[in-house]
Every structure is written in C-alpha cells, then in structure tokens.
Amino acid sequence: MFSQEDIDAVLRDAQQAVDELAQDVGQLHGGDSTPSHAPSGTAVAARPAQATVAPPRPVGAHVKRILKLKVPVIVRLARRNMLVSSIMKMGPGTILEFDRTVDEELDLMINNCKIGAGVAVKVNEHFGIRITNIDTVEERIDSLGAR
C-alpha cells in the first residue's frame, strides 16, 4: 500500500501535470496573454501573434509515476439508502429494489466519483461496460484526488 505522503506527492504531481496541460492547451489555442498576476485595470502590452507553437514538453517523471498507479474502477448499477435495521434483516433470497430502470446507463466511477457512464455488455462469460460518455482528462484527474 501507499503511505499518505506517497499519495499526497502523487496528487501534487497530478495537479502540476493538469496545470501544465491547461497552460499548454491555452498556448495552442491562443489563450489569454495577460499575466494572471497583473492587477485589474493595469495596461499590459499586447504580444504579437506567434505563428509557431512551442514544442511539446517531454513527459516528466512525475507524470510517468502517476500513469503507473492502479486505482479501483467501479461500475455502479444503482444506489439506495437503507436503515441499519433493514440491513440487519437481510438474508439469502432478499431482493432489493432500486428506483433505476433496467434501460438506464451504469455509472463509471473512480475514487467513488462518477467520471462517465455506459451500458452493460457480455464479454464471453464476463460482464463489461461499453462507455457511452466520459469526463475530460482534467475532470478524471480531479476525481483521483477527490476526498
């Protein structure tokens, strides 16, 4: 298992990677050239438009470390709150009814945070999920750090 210090270090690295990605995307799409530290109302000299794009940065060791982590992936069928007394009465053969219909998509979750959805599929003799929608990379990384 990982210590809390290892987890915190990985989360800091993930945030740094997301910040770098956001900065790179902003540069690629002609993001705002006004420095974020400039006080409001301060005149900032406009930079001439650049025809070239900065070369991509090599993937740092912190990003490689993040990409090697294994995290639990959960596919949630439904969710329901119950009284503890009802849970204590459960036994083999008990049927729990949920308010979700059979046709609804399943939730794809990381770190107990929903990052997408999909439909159940059968792969040979196993269950699977066909992803029908998924959050952006930034939102997925944020889900890894959610508490």
Protein backbone atom coordinates (compact mmCIF):
# COMPACT_ATOMS: atom_id res chain seq x y z
CA MET A 1 0.00 0.00 0.00
CA PHE A 2 0.95 3.64 -0.33
CA SER A 3 1.65 5.90 2.62
CA GLN A 4 -0.26 9.17 2.97
CA GLU A 5 2.94 11.01 1.99
CA ASP A 6 3.15 8.99 -1.25
CA ILE A 7 -0.49 9.72 -2.04
CA ASP A 8 -0.05 13.43 -1.32
CA ALA A 9 3.06 13.54 -3.54
CA VAL A 10 1.21 11.86 -6.40
CA LEU A 11 -1.74 14.24 -6.03
CA ARG A 12 0.61 17.24 -6.10
CA ASP A 13 2.26 15.80 -9.21
CA ALA A 14 -1.15 15.23 -10.80
CA GLN A 15 -2.20 18.83 -10.09
CA GLN A 16 1.07 20.07 -11.58
CA ALA A 17 0.51 17.91 -14.67
CA VAL A 18 -3.04 19.26 -15.07
CA ASP A 19 -1.79 22.84 -14.67
CA GLU A 20 0.91 22.25 -17.28
CA LEU A 21 -1.63 20.67 -19.65
CA ALA A 22 -4.01 23.61 -19.20
CA GLN A 23 -1.16 26.03 -19.87
CA ASP A 24 -0.11 24.11 -22.99
CA VAL A 25 -3.70 23.96 -24.27
CA GLY A 26 -4.06 27.70 -23.66
CA GLN A 27 -0.90 28.35 -25.71
CA LEU A 28 -2.10 26.11 -28.54
CA HIS A 29 -5.49 27.82 -28.75
CA GLY A 30 -4.28 31.40 -28.40
CA GLY A 31 -5.12 31.64 -24.73
CA ASP A 32 -5.21 34.91 -22.85
CA SER A 33 -1.78 36.51 -22.89
CA THR A 34 -2.50 38.76 -19.90
CA PRO A 35 -0.42 37.61 -16.96
CA SER A 36 -2.63 36.33 -14.16
CA HIS A 37 -0.62 38.33 -11.63
CA ALA A 38 -1.33 41.69 -13.31
CA PRO A 39 -3.70 43.82 -11.21
CA SER A 40 -7.04 44.60 -12.81
CA GLY A 41 -7.01 47.83 -14.77
CA THR A 42 -3.27 47.58 -15.42
CA ALA A 43 -2.30 48.07 -19.03
CA VAL A 44 -0.34 45.15 -20.40
CA ALA A 45 1.49 45.41 -23.69
CA ALA A 46 -0.09 43.15 -26.28
CA ARG A 47 2.19 40.47 -27.62
CA PRO A 48 2.32 39.93 -31.35
CA ALA A 49 0.60 36.76 -32.52
CA GLN A 50 3.05 33.91 -32.84
CA ALA A 51 2.88 31.70 -35.89
CA THR A 52 4.75 28.85 -34.23
CA VAL A 53 3.68 26.66 -31.37
CA ALA A 54 6.04 25.73 -28.56
CA PRO A 55 7.31 22.16 -28.93
CA PRO A 56 5.61 19.68 -26.60
CA ARG A 57 7.41 19.12 -23.34
CA PRO A 58 8.69 15.63 -22.63
CA VAL A 59 6.58 13.68 -20.17
CA GLY A 60 8.12 14.24 -16.76
CA ALA A 61 8.91 11.57 -14.23
CA HIS A 62 6.01 12.76 -12.06
CA VAL A 63 3.53 12.12 -14.88
CA LYS A 64 5.03 8.69 -15.63
CA ARG A 65 4.70 7.84 -11.93
CA ILE A 66 1.03 8.82 -11.95
CA LEU A 67 0.29 6.78 -15.06
CA LYS A 68 1.66 3.62 -13.39
CA LEU A 69 -0.75 3.82 -10.44
CA LYS A 70 -3.50 1.23 -10.14
CA VAL A 71 -6.82 2.55 -8.87
CA PRO A 72 -10.15 0.81 -8.29
CA VAL A 73 -12.65 1.19 -11.11
CA ILE A 74 -16.27 0.79 -10.02
CA VAL A 75 -19.34 0.29 -12.18
CA ARG A 76 -22.37 1.27 -10.13
CA LEU A 77 -25.68 -0.31 -11.01
CA ALA A 78 -27.74 1.73 -8.55
CA ARG A 79 -27.63 3.30 -5.11
CA ARG A 80 -30.02 3.26 -2.21
CA ASN A 81 -30.01 4.39 1.41
CA MET A 82 -31.39 1.94 3.94
CA LEU A 83 -31.94 1.78 7.66
CA VAL A 84 -29.40 -0.33 9.51
CA SER A 85 -32.29 -2.31 10.99
CA SER A 86 -33.40 -3.28 7.45
CA ILE A 87 -29.86 -4.29 6.53
CA MET A 88 -29.67 -6.49 9.62
CA LYS A 89 -32.84 -8.33 8.49
CA MET A 90 -31.36 -9.26 5.08
CA GLY A 91 -30.65 -12.85 4.27
CA PRO A 92 -30.24 -15.14 1.27
CA GLY A 93 -33.10 -14.59 -1.16
CA THR A 94 -33.73 -10.98 -0.11
CA ILE A 95 -34.48 -8.76 -3.11
CA LEU A 96 -33.54 -5.09 -3.01
CA GLU A 97 -35.46 -2.84 -5.36
CA PHE A 98 -33.88 0.29 -6.80
CA ASP A 99 -35.51 3.27 -8.46
CA ARG A 100 -33.26 2.99 -11.51
CA THR A 101 -34.72 1.33 -14.60
CA VAL A 102 -33.06 -1.51 -16.48
CA ASP A 103 -32.60 0.74 -19.54
CA GLU A 104 -30.57 3.41 -17.73
CA GLU A 105 -26.81 3.65 -18.11
CA LEU A 106 -24.46 2.44 -15.39
CA ASP A 107 -22.14 4.87 -13.59
CA LEU A 108 -18.40 4.52 -14.21
CA MET A 109 -16.59 5.62 -11.07
CA ILE A 110 -13.06 6.24 -9.84
CA ASN A 111 -12.41 7.02 -6.17
CA ASN A 112 -16.20 6.98 -5.60
CA CYS A 113 -16.58 9.85 -8.09
CA LYS A 114 -18.55 9.44 -11.30
CA ILE A 115 -16.34 10.01 -14.35
CA GLY A 116 -18.58 8.58 -17.05
CA ALA A 117 -21.39 6.22 -17.94
CA GLY A 118 -22.01 3.20 -20.09
CA VAL A 119 -24.12 0.17 -20.82
CA ALA A 120 -23.58 -3.37 -19.57
CA VAL A 121 -22.22 -5.84 -22.11
CA LYS A 122 -21.37 -9.53 -22.00
CA VAL A 123 -17.79 -10.43 -22.96
CA ASN A 124 -17.63 -14.23 -23.26
CA GLU A 125 -18.71 -15.29 -19.77
CA HIS A 126 -17.85 -11.97 -18.07
CA PHE A 127 -19.56 -8.64 -17.59
CA GLY A 128 -18.17 -5.50 -19.16
CA ILE A 129 -19.17 -1.91 -19.76
CA ARG A 130 -19.30 -0.08 -23.09
CA ILE A 131 -18.51 3.54 -22.27
CA THR A 132 -21.02 5.93 -23.80
CA ASN A 133 -19.70 9.16 -22.28
CA ILE A 134 -16.70 10.12 -20.19
CA ASP A 135 -15.37 13.23 -18.47
CA THR A 136 -12.42 15.22 -19.78
CA VAL A 137 -8.90 14.22 -18.79
CA GLU A 138 -8.76 17.11 -16.31
CA GLU A 139 -12.03 16.05 -14.66
CA ARG A 140 -10.85 12.45 -14.43
CA ILE A 141 -7.59 13.51 -12.79
CA ASP A 142 -9.53 15.71 -10.37
CA SER A 143 -11.64 12.66 -9.45
CA LEU A 144 -8.49 10.79 -8.45
CA GLY A 145 -7.74 13.47 -5.86
CA ALA A 146 -11.31 13.90 -4.56
CA ARG A 147 -11.86 13.06 -0.93
